[in-house]
């Protein structure tokens, strides 16, 4: 396997990379290089911005450190094929992913310069699904891949690499049937949950056990809603001036109830859920029928005073217990 010796922060071109490591110069933003057993990703956030979406770039750091988002390849509703599948296959074939960002053009030429960011890996949640307009302004489903620094790597990110703020407010539905596919054993759902109760994530500072109680809770509740004949979905809420859309956990279409799930039934988690629900409701006015109710989905009963707080705010509580969910249906 060819060693990759380009230093993070260096500026090069796709042609120069292909001459040394292989891979096509003209095959889009995800370029497999068979000769060197690598995958090169060329990110150009300005492309999405032209069409009205701003998913690509460095997202705000979360508890797992640096996160870079990259919209997948393909016209129309994107499929897990070709370049997108090439990225997903790195989870099992061990190929390195190297990330570049467009950095202007050569003076007097149309040749785009590429700034090398560094080696990355797919996150434990490798992608989320979003809606994005195509060149004709028609919304379609896209994969938004989630990159983390590879173990031991430091990414050469600059302030201009941050995800660009949304240019206007907007709400679109996220139908959850988009998210039922299983690829390479990794299942990405509309509620962006993980399918295991805990995992080991390779993040800055070393491996860390990451509990996924919330994802398991939402997954069980979706199955429960399906069993009782309820339809559900989520929303993608763009907020002007802010980076990244708001995505509620789950909206029960049948009962007109918006849920926010928390993996712990503690007061801080419940207070956070209340704030999120009130924020979502503001933006969903006019997008859902009048009288939408709010509910917090919890894995265990809260304390009496925490429940009294929710009652005072008119927010229902649905709690998972053996064999089902207490508090459902929401009255």
C-alpha atoms as a PDB file:
ATOM      1  CA  UNK A   1       0.000   0.000   0.000  1.00  0.00           C
ATOM      2  CA  UNK A   2       1.398   3.369  -1.036  1.00  0.00           C
ATOM      3  CA  UNK A   3       2.233   5.679   1.850  1.00  0.00           C
ATOM      4  CA  UNK A   4       0.432   9.010   1.726  1.00  0.00           C
ATOM      5  CA  UNK A   5       2.953  11.752   2.369  1.00  0.00           C
ATOM      6  CA  UNK A   6       1.078  14.979   1.629  1.00  0.00           C
ATOM      7  CA  UNK A   7       1.077  17.171   4.751  1.00  0.00           C
ATOM      8  CA  UNK A   8      -2.244  18.502   6.077  1.00  0.00           C
ATOM      9  CA  UNK A   9      -2.625  22.111   4.967  1.00  0.00           C
ATOM     10  CA  UNK A  10      -0.716  21.562   1.725  1.00  0.00           C
ATOM     11  CA  UNK A  11      -2.309  22.784  -1.493  1.00  0.00           C
ATOM     12  CA  UNK A  12      -2.280  20.586  -4.573  1.00  0.00           C
ATOM     13  CA  UNK A  13      -4.530  19.561  -7.456  1.00  0.00           C
ATOM     14  CA  UNK A  14      -6.559  16.470  -8.247  1.00  0.00           C
ATOM     15  CA  UNK A  15      -4.252  15.860 -11.207  1.00  0.00           C
ATOM     16  CA  UNK A  16      -1.172  15.858  -9.006  1.00  0.00           C
ATOM     17  CA  UNK A  17      -2.778  13.439  -6.523  1.00  0.00           C
ATOM     18  CA  UNK A  18      -3.855  11.096  -9.337  1.00  0.00           C
ATOM     19  CA  UNK A  19      -0.360  11.044 -10.841  1.00  0.00           C
ATOM     20  CA  UNK A  20       1.117   9.724  -7.598  1.00  0.00           C
ATOM     21  CA  UNK A  21      -1.676   7.642  -6.079  1.00  0.00           C
ATOM     22  CA  UNK A  22      -4.018   6.818  -8.955  1.00  0.00           C
ATOM     23  CA  UNK A  23      -7.715   7.460  -9.296  1.00  0.00           C
ATOM     24  CA  UNK A  24      -9.722   9.430 -11.809  1.00  0.00           C
ATOM     25  CA  UNK A  25      -9.475  13.184 -12.189  1.00  0.00           C
ATOM     26  CA  UNK A  26     -13.047  13.501 -13.501  1.00  0.00           C
ATOM     27  CA  UNK A  27     -15.155  11.046 -11.478  1.00  0.00           C
ATOM     28  CA  UNK A  28     -16.832  13.420  -9.013  1.00  0.00           C
ATOM     29  CA  UNK A  29     -16.019  14.147  -5.405  1.00  0.00           C
ATOM     30  CA  UNK A  30     -15.473  10.566  -4.191  1.00  0.00           C
ATOM     31  CA  UNK A  31     -12.485   9.033  -5.955  1.00  0.00           C
ATOM     32  CA  UNK A  32     -11.312   5.461  -5.272  1.00  0.00           C
ATOM     33  CA  UNK A  33      -7.642   4.918  -6.059  1.00  0.00           C
ATOM     34  CA  UNK A  34      -7.264   1.210  -6.685  1.00  0.00           C
ATOM     35  CA  UNK A  35      -3.492   1.342  -7.168  1.00  0.00           C
ATOM     36  CA  UNK A  36      -2.845   2.780  -3.716  1.00  0.00           C
ATOM     37  CA  UNK A  37      -5.929   1.300  -1.986  1.00  0.00           C
ATOM     38  CA  UNK A  38      -7.190   4.695  -0.843  1.00  0.00           C
ATOM     39  CA  UNK A  39     -10.267   6.871  -1.256  1.00  0.00           C
ATOM     40  CA  UNK A  40      -9.948  10.597  -1.937  1.00  0.00           C
ATOM     41  CA  UNK A  41     -12.828  12.915  -1.063  1.00  0.00           C
ATOM     42  CA  UNK A  42     -12.918  16.355  -2.681  1.00  0.00           C
ATOM     43  CA  UNK A  43     -15.296  18.658  -0.821  1.00  0.00           C
ATOM     44  CA  UNK A  44     -16.583  21.855  -2.408  1.00  0.00           C
ATOM     45  CA  UNK A  45     -19.276  23.437  -0.179  1.00  0.00           C
ATOM     46  CA  UNK A  46     -19.906  26.174  -2.757  1.00  0.00           C
ATOM     47  CA  UNK A  47     -21.573  23.599  -5.039  1.00  0.00           C
ATOM     48  CA  UNK A  48     -24.325  22.872  -2.520  1.00  0.00           C
ATOM     49  CA  UNK A  49     -24.627  26.542  -1.645  1.00  0.00           C
ATOM     50  CA  UNK A  50     -25.450  27.332  -5.295  1.00  0.00           C
ATOM     51  CA  UNK A  51     -28.404  24.947  -5.093  1.00  0.00           C
ATOM     52  CA  UNK A  52     -29.630  26.240  -1.731  1.00  0.00           C
ATOM     53  CA  UNK A  53     -28.306  23.776   0.854  1.00  0.00           C
ATOM     54  CA  UNK A  54     -25.449  24.192   3.309  1.00  0.00           C
ATOM     55  CA  UNK A  55     -24.657  20.790   4.792  1.00  0.00           C
ATOM     56  CA  UNK A  56     -20.980  20.514   3.838  1.00  0.00           C
ATOM     57  CA  UNK A  57     -18.105  21.602   6.030  1.00  0.00           C
ATOM     58  CA  UNK A  58     -16.887  21.458   9.604  1.00  0.00           C
ATOM     59  CA  UNK A  59     -19.831  21.150  11.969  1.00  0.00           C
ATOM     60  CA  UNK A  60     -19.718  22.369  15.546  1.00  0.00           C
ATOM     61  CA  UNK A  61     -17.633  20.062  17.729  1.00  0.00           C
ATOM     62  CA  UNK A  62     -19.677  17.646  19.804  1.00  0.00           C
ATOM     63  CA  UNK A  63     -18.757  15.433  22.749  1.00  0.00           C
ATOM     64  CA  UNK A  64     -16.751  13.260  20.367  1.00  0.00           C
ATOM     65  CA  UNK A  65     -14.628  16.069  18.941  1.00  0.00           C
ATOM     66  CA  UNK A  66     -14.176  17.280  15.376  1.00  0.00           C
ATOM     67  CA  UNK A  67     -16.892  16.482  12.840  1.00  0.00           C
ATOM     68  CA  UNK A  68     -16.816  17.195   9.094  1.00  0.00           C
ATOM     69  CA  UNK A  69     -19.942  16.741   6.956  1.00  0.00           C
ATOM     70  CA  UNK A  70     -19.940  15.819   3.283  1.00  0.00           C
ATOM     71  CA  UNK A  71     -22.941  15.428   0.966  1.00  0.00           C
ATOM     72  CA  UNK A  72     -22.839  12.227  -1.058  1.00  0.00           C
ATOM     73  CA  UNK A  73     -22.860  11.719  -4.801  1.00  0.00           C
ATOM     74  CA  UNK A  74     -25.576  11.222  -7.380  1.00  0.00           C
ATOM     75  CA  UNK A  75     -28.465  13.081  -9.021  1.00  0.00           C
ATOM     76  CA  UNK A  76     -32.064  12.722  -7.899  1.00  0.00           C
ATOM     77  CA  UNK A  77     -32.686  10.620  -4.807  1.00  0.00           C
ATOM     78  CA  UNK A  78     -29.214   9.377  -3.975  1.00  0.00           C
ATOM     79  CA  UNK A  79     -28.574   5.656  -3.747  1.00  0.00           C
ATOM     80  CA  UNK A  80     -26.057   3.684  -1.734  1.00  0.00           C
ATOM     81  CA  UNK A  81     -24.088   2.916  -4.878  1.00  0.00           C
ATOM     82  CA  UNK A  82     -20.935   3.990  -6.697  1.00  0.00           C
ATOM     83  CA  UNK A  83     -19.112   6.696  -4.736  1.00  0.00           C
ATOM     84  CA  UNK A  84     -21.433   6.522  -1.728  1.00  0.00           C
ATOM     85  CA  UNK A  85     -20.916   2.780  -1.454  1.00  0.00           C
ATOM     86  CA  UNK A  86     -17.174   3.309  -1.888  1.00  0.00           C
ATOM     87  CA  UNK A  87     -17.194   5.398   1.285  1.00  0.00           C
ATOM     88  CA  UNK A  88     -19.317   2.906   3.215  1.00  0.00           C
ATOM     89  CA  UNK A  89     -17.075   0.043   2.133  1.00  0.00           C
ATOM     90  CA  UNK A  90     -14.174   1.643   4.021  1.00  0.00           C
ATOM     91  CA  UNK A  91     -15.871   0.442   7.204  1.00  0.00           C
ATOM     92  CA  UNK A  92     -15.014  -3.127   6.248  1.00  0.00           C
ATOM     93  CA  UNK A  93     -12.145  -3.010   3.739  1.00  0.00           C
ATOM     94  CA  UNK A  94      -9.822  -0.800   5.798  1.00  0.00           C
ATOM     95  CA  UNK A  95      -9.060   1.666   3.021  1.00  0.00           C
ATOM     96  CA  UNK A  96      -7.876   5.107   4.084  1.00  0.00           C
ATOM     97  CA  UNK A  97     -10.022   8.170   3.371  1.00  0.00           C
ATOM     98  CA  UNK A  98      -8.193  11.410   2.618  1.00  0.00           C
ATOM     99  CA  UNK A  99     -10.148  14.661   2.649  1.00  0.00           C
ATOM    100  CA  UNK A 100      -9.512  17.730   0.476  1.00  0.00           C
ATOM    101  CA  UNK A 101     -11.384  21.051   0.252  1.00  0.00           C
ATOM    102  CA  UNK A 102     -11.575  23.269  -2.840  1.00  0.00           C
ATOM    103  CA  UNK A 103      -9.294  26.261  -2.344  1.00  0.00           C
ATOM    104  CA  UNK A 104      -9.725  28.595  -5.323  1.00  0.00           C
ATOM    105  CA  UNK A 105      -8.236  28.216  -8.778  1.00  0.00           C
ATOM    106  CA  UNK A 106      -4.791  28.451 -10.330  1.00  0.00           C
ATOM    107  CA  UNK A 107      -4.123  32.038 -11.536  1.00  0.00           C
ATOM    108  CA  UNK A 108      -5.397  32.430 -15.096  1.00  0.00           C
ATOM    109  CA  UNK A 109      -6.737  28.865 -15.179  1.00  0.00           C
ATOM    110  CA  UNK A 110      -9.917  26.992 -14.317  1.00  0.00           C
ATOM    111  CA  UNK A 111      -7.894  24.341 -12.486  1.00  0.00           C
ATOM    112  CA  UNK A 112      -9.273  24.083  -8.928  1.00  0.00           C
ATOM    113  CA  UNK A 113      -6.697  23.960  -6.163  1.00  0.00           C
ATOM    114  CA  UNK A 114      -7.237  21.404  -3.409  1.00  0.00           C
ATOM    115  CA  UNK A 115      -6.196  21.977   0.187  1.00  0.00           C
ATOM    116  CA  UNK A 116      -5.438  18.724   1.989  1.00  0.00           C
ATOM    117  CA  UNK A 117      -7.330  18.523   5.286  1.00  0.00           C
ATOM    118  CA  UNK A 118      -6.064  15.160   6.488  1.00  0.00           C
ATOM    119  CA  UNK A 119      -6.975  11.516   6.927  1.00  0.00           C
ATOM    120  CA  UNK A 120     -10.504  10.844   8.179  1.00  0.00           C
ATOM    121  CA  UNK A 121     -12.762   7.921   9.035  1.00  0.00           C
ATOM    122  CA  UNK A 122     -16.517   7.530   9.021  1.00  0.00           C
ATOM    123  CA  UNK A 123     -18.201   8.218  12.326  1.00  0.00           C
ATOM    124  CA  UNK A 124     -19.943   5.426  14.258  1.00  0.00           C
ATOM    125  CA  UNK A 125     -23.094   6.993  12.783  1.00  0.00           C
ATOM    126  CA  UNK A 126     -21.645   7.115   9.244  1.00  0.00           C
ATOM    127  CA  UNK A 127     -24.317   9.243   7.626  1.00  0.00           C
ATOM    128  CA  UNK A 128     -27.664  10.948   8.098  1.00  0.00           C
ATOM    129  CA  UNK A 129     -30.314  11.523   5.456  1.00  0.00           C
ATOM    130  CA  UNK A 130     -31.330  15.010   4.439  1.00  0.00           C
ATOM    131  CA  UNK A 131     -33.438  16.706   1.780  1.00  0.00           C
ATOM    132  CA  UNK A 132     -31.594  19.031  -0.579  1.00  0.00           C
ATOM    133  CA  UNK A 133     -32.658  20.839  -3.756  1.00  0.00           C
ATOM    134  CA  UNK A 134     -31.122  19.775  -7.056  1.00  0.00           C
ATOM    135  CA  UNK A 135     -30.097  22.220  -9.797  1.00  0.00           C
ATOM    136  CA  UNK A 136     -33.771  22.570 -10.748  1.00  0.00           C
ATOM    137  CA  UNK A 137     -34.829  23.346  -7.179  1.00  0.00           C
ATOM    138  CA  UNK A 138     -36.546  19.987  -6.671  1.00  0.00           C
ATOM    139  CA  UNK A 139     -35.982  18.410  -3.239  1.00  0.00           C
ATOM    140  CA  UNK A 140     -34.383  14.965  -3.212  1.00  0.00           C
ATOM    141  CA  UNK A 141     -32.874  12.674  -0.620  1.00  0.00           C
ATOM    142  CA  UNK A 142     -29.128  12.911  -0.064  1.00  0.00           C
ATOM    143  CA  UNK A 143     -26.620  11.163   2.142  1.00  0.00           C
ATOM    144  CA  UNK A 144     -24.666  13.473   4.443  1.00  0.00           C
ATOM    145  CA  UNK A 145     -21.570  11.557   5.522  1.00  0.00           C
ATOM    146  CA  UNK A 146     -20.006  12.216   8.909  1.00  0.00           C
ATOM    147  CA  UNK A 147     -16.193  12.229   9.080  1.00  0.00           C
ATOM    148  CA  UNK A 148     -13.987  12.168  12.162  1.00  0.00           C
ATOM    149  CA  UNK A 149     -10.190  12.499  12.278  1.00  0.00           C
ATOM    150  CA  UNK A 150      -8.511   9.127  11.777  1.00  0.00           C
ATOM    151  CA  UNK A 151      -6.770   7.822  14.930  1.00  0.00           C
ATOM    152  CA  UNK A 152      -3.685   9.949  15.502  1.00  0.00           C
ATOM    153  CA  UNK A 153      -4.608  12.457  12.768  1.00  0.00           C
ATOM    154  CA  UNK A 154      -4.999  16.203  13.265  1.00  0.00           C
ATOM    155  CA  UNK A 155      -7.103  17.904  10.602  1.00  0.00           C
ATOM    156  CA  UNK A 156      -5.859  21.178   9.092  1.00  0.00           C
ATOM    157  CA  UNK A 157      -9.225  22.935   9.184  1.00  0.00           C
ATOM    158  CA  UNK A 158      -9.533  26.695   8.809  1.00  0.00           C
ATOM    159  CA  UNK A 159     -12.336  29.064   9.883  1.00  0.00           C
ATOM    160  CA  UNK A 160     -13.729  29.232   6.331  1.00  0.00           C
ATOM    161  CA  UNK A 161     -14.227  25.457   6.372  1.00  0.00           C
ATOM    162  CA  UNK A 162     -17.146  25.722   8.815  1.00  0.00           C
ATOM    163  CA  UNK A 163     -20.612  24.761   7.612  1.00  0.00           C
ATOM    164  CA  UNK A 164     -22.213  27.872   6.154  1.00  0.00           C
ATOM    165  CA  UNK A 165     -25.295  29.265   7.941  1.00  0.00           C
ATOM    166  CA  UNK A 166     -28.693  28.712   6.354  1.00  0.00           C
ATOM    167  CA  UNK A 167     -29.766  31.632   4.189  1.00  0.00           C
ATOM    168  CA  UNK A 168     -33.466  31.357   5.040  1.00  0.00           C
ATOM    169  CA  UNK A 169     -35.952  29.546   7.250  1.00  0.00           C
ATOM    170  CA  UNK A 170     -37.632  26.449   5.896  1.00  0.00           C
ATOM    171  CA  UNK A 171     -39.259  23.172   6.914  1.00  0.00           C
ATOM    172  CA  UNK A 172     -39.418  19.964   4.878  1.00  0.00           C
ATOM    173  CA  UNK A 173     -40.676  16.520   5.848  1.00  0.00           C
ATOM    174  CA  UNK A 174     -38.261  13.658   6.441  1.00  0.00           C
ATOM    175  CA  UNK A 175     -40.250  10.486   5.659  1.00  0.00           C
ATOM    176  CA  UNK A 176     -38.814   7.742   7.796  1.00  0.00           C
ATOM    177  CA  UNK A 177     -39.166   5.068   5.120  1.00  0.00           C
ATOM    178  CA  UNK A 178     -36.019   6.600   3.593  1.00  0.00           C
ATOM    179  CA  UNK A 179     -34.008   5.379   6.515  1.00  0.00           C
ATOM    180  CA  UNK A 180     -34.820   1.695   6.771  1.00  0.00           C
ATOM    181  CA  UNK A 181     -32.015   0.404   4.588  1.00  0.00           C
ATOM    182  CA  UNK A 182     -29.163  -1.574   6.099  1.00  0.00           C
ATOM    183  CA  UNK A 183     -25.808  -1.107   4.409  1.00  0.00           C
ATOM    184  CA  UNK A 184     -22.736  -3.087   5.414  1.00  0.00           C
ATOM    185  CA  UNK A 185     -24.471  -3.929   8.670  1.00  0.00           C
ATOM    186  CA  UNK A 186     -24.926  -0.265   9.597  1.00  0.00           C
ATOM    187  CA  UNK A 187     -28.503   0.980   9.855  1.00  0.00           C
ATOM    188  CA  UNK A 188     -29.175   4.697   9.650  1.00  0.00           C
ATOM    189  CA  UNK A 189     -32.681   5.747  10.628  1.00  0.00           C
ATOM    190  CA  UNK A 190     -34.540   9.009  10.203  1.00  0.00           C
ATOM    191  CA  UNK A 191     -34.302   9.657  13.897  1.00  0.00           C
ATOM    192  CA  UNK A 192     -30.523   9.312  13.544  1.00  0.00           C
ATOM    193  CA  UNK A 193     -30.348   6.699  16.225  1.00  0.00           C
ATOM    194  CA  UNK A 194     -27.694   4.093  16.721  1.00  0.00           C
ATOM    195  CA  UNK A 195     -28.735   0.469  16.621  1.00  0.00           C
ATOM    196  CA  UNK A 196     -26.622  -0.703  19.533  1.00  0.00           C
ATOM    197  CA  UNK A 197     -27.058   0.218  23.184  1.00  0.00           C
ATOM    198  CA  UNK A 198     -23.397   1.129  23.450  1.00  0.00           C
ATOM    199  CA  UNK A 199     -20.310   1.235  21.295  1.00  0.00           C
ATOM    200  CA  UNK A 200     -16.605   2.051  21.329  1.00  0.00           C
ATOM    201  CA  UNK A 201     -15.975   5.221  19.346  1.00  0.00           C
ATOM    202  CA  UNK A 202     -12.453   6.166  18.247  1.00  0.00           C
ATOM    203  CA  UNK A 203     -12.346   9.860  19.030  1.00  0.00           C
ATOM    204  CA  UNK A 204      -9.859  12.467  20.129  1.00  0.00           C
ATOM    205  CA  UNK A 205      -8.541  11.401  23.508  1.00  0.00           C
ATOM    206  CA  UNK A 206      -8.812   7.677  22.803  1.00  0.00           C
ATOM    207  CA  UNK A 207     -11.583   5.092  22.755  1.00  0.00           C
ATOM    208  CA  UNK A 208     -14.592   5.960  24.858  1.00  0.00           C
ATOM    209  CA  UNK A 209     -17.662   3.937  25.687  1.00  0.00           C
ATOM    210  CA  UNK A 210     -20.669   5.719  24.231  1.00  0.00           C
ATOM    211  CA  UNK A 211     -24.077   4.727  25.523  1.00  0.00           C
ATOM    212  CA  UNK A 212     -26.903   4.878  23.026  1.00  0.00           C
ATOM    213  CA  UNK A 213     -29.913   4.673  25.316  1.00  0.00           C
ATOM    214  CA  UNK A 214     -31.820   7.351  23.431  1.00  0.00           C
ATOM    215  CA  UNK A 215     -31.456   5.606  20.089  1.00  0.00           C
ATOM    216  CA  UNK A 216     -32.622   2.307  21.509  1.00  0.00           C
ATOM    217  CA  UNK A 217     -35.588   4.030  23.127  1.00  0.00           C
ATOM    218  CA  UNK A 218     -36.701   5.690  19.891  1.00  0.00           C
ATOM    219  CA  UNK A 219     -36.233   2.462  17.953  1.00  0.00           C
ATOM    220  CA  UNK A 220     -38.469   0.560  20.372  1.00  0.00           C
ATOM    221  CA  UNK A 221     -41.087   3.313  20.262  1.00  0.00           C
ATOM    222  CA  UNK A 222     -41.146   3.320  16.460  1.00  0.00           C
ATOM    223  CA  UNK A 223     -41.808  -0.422  16.497  1.00  0.00           C
ATOM    224  CA  UNK A 224     -44.572   0.134  19.035  1.00  0.00           C
ATOM    225  CA  UNK A 225     -46.197   2.867  16.939  1.00  0.00           C
ATOM    226  CA  UNK A 226     -46.048   0.654  13.857  1.00  0.00           C
ATOM    227  CA  UNK A 227     -47.711  -2.187  15.744  1.00  0.00           C
ATOM    228  CA  UNK A 228     -50.652   0.028  16.752  1.00  0.00           C
ATOM    229  CA  UNK A 229     -51.041   1.416  13.236  1.00  0.00           C
ATOM    230  CA  UNK A 230     -49.624   4.910  13.700  1.00  0.00           C
ATOM    231  CA  UNK A 231     -47.702   6.713  10.952  1.00  0.00           C
ATOM    232  CA  UNK A 232     -44.694   8.813  11.911  1.00  0.00           C
ATOM    233  CA  UNK A 233     -41.968  10.960  10.395  1.00  0.00           C
ATOM    234  CA  UNK A 234     -39.596  13.784  11.264  1.00  0.00           C
ATOM    235  CA  UNK A 235     -38.742  17.248   9.931  1.00  0.00           C
ATOM    236  CA  UNK A 236     -35.703  19.095   8.655  1.00  0.00           C
ATOM    237  CA  UNK A 237     -35.897  22.666   9.965  1.00  0.00           C
ATOM    238  CA  UNK A 238     -33.531  25.228   8.473  1.00  0.00           C
ATOM    239  CA  UNK A 239     -33.010  28.365  10.558  1.00  0.00           C
ATOM    240  CA  UNK A 240     -31.649  31.461   8.874  1.00  0.00           C
ATOM    241  CA  UNK A 241     -28.179  32.343  10.148  1.00  0.00           C
ATOM    242  CA  UNK A 242     -27.613  28.998  11.865  1.00  0.00           C
ATOM    243  CA  UNK A 243     -25.416  26.075  10.855  1.00  0.00           C
ATOM    244  CA  UNK A 244     -27.124  22.745  10.392  1.00  0.00           C
ATOM    245  CA  UNK A 245     -30.859  21.979  10.490  1.00  0.00           C
ATOM    246  CA  UNK A 246     -32.938  21.148  13.544  1.00  0.00           C
ATOM    247  CA  UNK A 247     -34.275  17.576  13.407  1.00  0.00           C
ATOM    248  CA  UNK A 248     -36.899  16.513  15.989  1.00  0.00           C
ATOM    249  CA  UNK A 249     -36.798  12.927  17.173  1.00  0.00           C
ATOM    250  CA  UNK A 250     -40.236  11.845  16.005  1.00  0.00           C
ATOM    251  CA  UNK A 251     -43.626  13.214  14.973  1.00  0.00           C
ATOM    252  CA  UNK A 252     -46.636  10.901  15.314  1.00  0.00           C
ATOM    253  CA  UNK A 253     -48.687  11.879  12.267  1.00  0.00           C
ATOM    254  CA  UNK A 254     -51.715   9.837  13.323  1.00  0.00           C
ATOM    255  CA  UNK A 255     -52.040  11.412  16.774  1.00  0.00           C
ATOM    256  CA  UNK A 256     -50.483  14.842  15.981  1.00  0.00           C
ATOM    257  CA  UNK A 257     -47.888  14.514  18.753  1.00  0.00           C
ATOM    258  CA  UNK A 258     -44.273  15.689  18.606  1.00  0.00           C
ATOM    259  CA  UNK A 259     -41.836  13.667  20.735  1.00  0.00           C
ATOM    260  CA  UNK A 260     -38.416  14.433  22.099  1.00  0.00           C
ATOM    261  CA  UNK A 261     -36.618  11.402  23.529  1.00  0.00           C
ATOM    262  CA  UNK A 262     -34.000  11.375  26.257  1.00  0.00           C
ATOM    263  CA  UNK A 263     -31.833   8.457  27.264  1.00  0.00           C
ATOM    264  CA  UNK A 264     -31.912   9.452  30.931  1.00  0.00           C
ATOM    265  CA  UNK A 265     -34.898  10.602  33.005  1.00  0.00           C
ATOM    266  CA  UNK A 266     -32.925  13.195  34.946  1.00  0.00           C
ATOM    267  CA  UNK A 267     -34.046  16.782  35.474  1.00  0.00           C
ATOM    268  CA  UNK A 268     -31.310  18.273  33.208  1.00  0.00           C
ATOM    269  CA  UNK A 269     -32.379  15.953  30.382  1.00  0.00           C
ATOM    270  CA  UNK A 270     -36.050  16.731  30.875  1.00  0.00           C
ATOM    271  CA  UNK A 271     -35.405  20.484  30.931  1.00  0.00           C
ATOM    272  CA  UNK A 272     -33.418  20.151  27.713  1.00  0.00           C
ATOM    273  CA  UNK A 273     -36.252  18.191  26.090  1.00  0.00           C
ATOM    274  CA  UNK A 274     -38.770  20.886  27.045  1.00  0.00           C
ATOM    275  CA  UNK A 275     -36.628  23.599  25.474  1.00  0.00           C
ATOM    276  CA  UNK A 276     -36.203  21.589  22.284  1.00  0.00           C
ATOM    277  CA  UNK A 277     -39.922  20.871  21.978  1.00  0.00           C
ATOM    278  CA  UNK A 278     -40.890  24.519  22.443  1.00  0.00           C
ATOM    279  CA  UNK A 279     -38.301  25.563  19.857  1.00  0.00           C
ATOM    280  CA  UNK A 280     -39.493  22.966  17.330  1.00  0.00           C
ATOM    281  CA  UNK A 281     -43.129  23.971  17.848  1.00  0.00           C
ATOM    282  CA  UNK A 282     -42.380  27.576  16.901  1.00  0.00           C
ATOM    283  CA  UNK A 283     -40.951  26.490  13.571  1.00  0.00           C
ATOM    284  CA  UNK A 284     -43.598  23.878  12.813  1.00  0.00           C
ATOM    285  CA  UNK A 285     -46.525  26.259  13.110  1.00  0.00           C
ATOM    286  CA  UNK A 286     -48.457  25.967   9.875  1.00  0.00           C
ATOM    287  CA  UNK A 287     -46.644  22.725   8.941  1.00  0.00           C
ATOM    288  CA  UNK A 288     -48.790  20.476  11.156  1.00  0.00           C
ATOM    289  CA  UNK A 289     -52.497  20.526  12.096  1.00  0.00           C
ATOM    290  CA  UNK A 290     -53.634  22.880  14.836  1.00  0.00           C
ATOM    291  CA  UNK A 291     -53.496  21.473  18.338  1.00  0.00           C
ATOM    292  CA  UNK A 292     -50.236  19.538  18.041  1.00  0.00           C
ATOM    293  CA  UNK A 293     -49.340  18.129  21.449  1.00  0.00           C
ATOM    294  CA  UNK A 294     -45.847  17.820  22.887  1.00  0.00           C
ATOM    295  CA  UNK A 295     -44.462  14.795  24.698  1.00  0.00           C
ATOM    296  CA  UNK A 296     -41.207  13.676  26.279  1.00  0.00           C
ATOM    297  CA  UNK A 297     -40.215  10.046  25.713  1.00  0.00           C
ATOM    298  CA  UNK A 298     -38.259   8.598  28.656  1.00  0.00           C
ATOM    299  CA  UNK A 299     -36.736   5.219  29.595  1.00  0.00           C
ATOM    300  CA  UNK A 300     -38.010   5.356  33.198  1.00  0.00           C
ATOM    301  CA  UNK A 301     -40.353   7.352  35.421  1.00  0.00           C
ATOM    302  CA  UNK A 302     -39.142  10.858  36.314  1.00  0.00           C
ATOM    303  CA  UNK A 303     -39.284  12.180  39.859  1.00  0.00           C
ATOM    304  CA  UNK A 304     -42.685  13.508  41.008  1.00  0.00           C
ATOM    305  CA  UNK A 305     -41.476  17.106  40.865  1.00  0.00           C
ATOM    306  CA  UNK A 306     -40.033  16.684  37.347  1.00  0.00           C
ATOM    307  CA  UNK A 307     -43.377  15.261  36.238  1.00  0.00           C
ATOM    308  CA  UNK A 308     -45.165  18.196  37.907  1.00  0.00           C
ATOM    309  CA  UNK A 309     -42.932  20.554  35.904  1.00  0.00           C
ATOM    310  CA  UNK A 310     -43.969  18.837  32.660  1.00  0.00           C
ATOM    311  CA  UNK A 311     -47.626  18.873  33.685  1.00  0.00           C
ATOM    312  CA  UNK A 312     -47.412  22.597  34.395  1.00  0.00           C
ATOM    313  CA  UNK A 313     -46.067  23.175  30.878  1.00  0.00           C
ATOM    314  CA  UNK A 314     -48.729  20.976  29.273  1.00  0.00           C
ATOM    315  CA  UNK A 315     -46.172  18.441  28.065  1.00  0.00           C
ATOM    316  CA  UNK A 316     -47.060  14.759  28.223  1.00  0.00           C
ATOM    317  CA  UNK A 317     -44.783  11.993  29.484  1.00  0.00           C
ATOM    318  CA  UNK A 318     -44.484   8.600  27.795  1.00  0.00           C
ATOM    319  CA  UNK A 319     -42.318   6.069  29.631  1.00  0.00           C
ATOM    320  CA  UNK A 320     -40.993   2.735  28.434  1.00  0.00           C
ATOM    321  CA  UNK A 321     -41.926  -0.170  30.675  1.00  0.00           C
ATOM    322  CA  UNK A 322     -41.971  -3.922  30.214  1.00  0.00           C
ATOM    323  CA  UNK A 323     -44.248  -4.782  27.319  1.00  0.00           C
ATOM    324  CA  UNK A 324     -44.945  -1.279  26.096  1.00  0.00           C
ATOM    325  CA  UNK A 325     -45.134   2.422  26.837  1.00  0.00           C
ATOM    326  CA  UNK A 326     -47.039   3.964  29.735  1.00  0.00           C
ATOM    327  CA  UNK A 327     -48.719   7.298  28.974  1.00  0.00           C
ATOM    328  CA  UNK A 328     -49.531   6.310  25.395  1.00  0.00           C
ATOM    329  CA  UNK A 329     -51.793   7.293  23.752  1.00  0.00           C
ATOM    330  CA  UNK A 330     -51.211  10.899  24.722  1.00  0.00           C
ATOM    331  CA  UNK A 331     -54.450  12.484  25.943  1.00  0.00           C
END
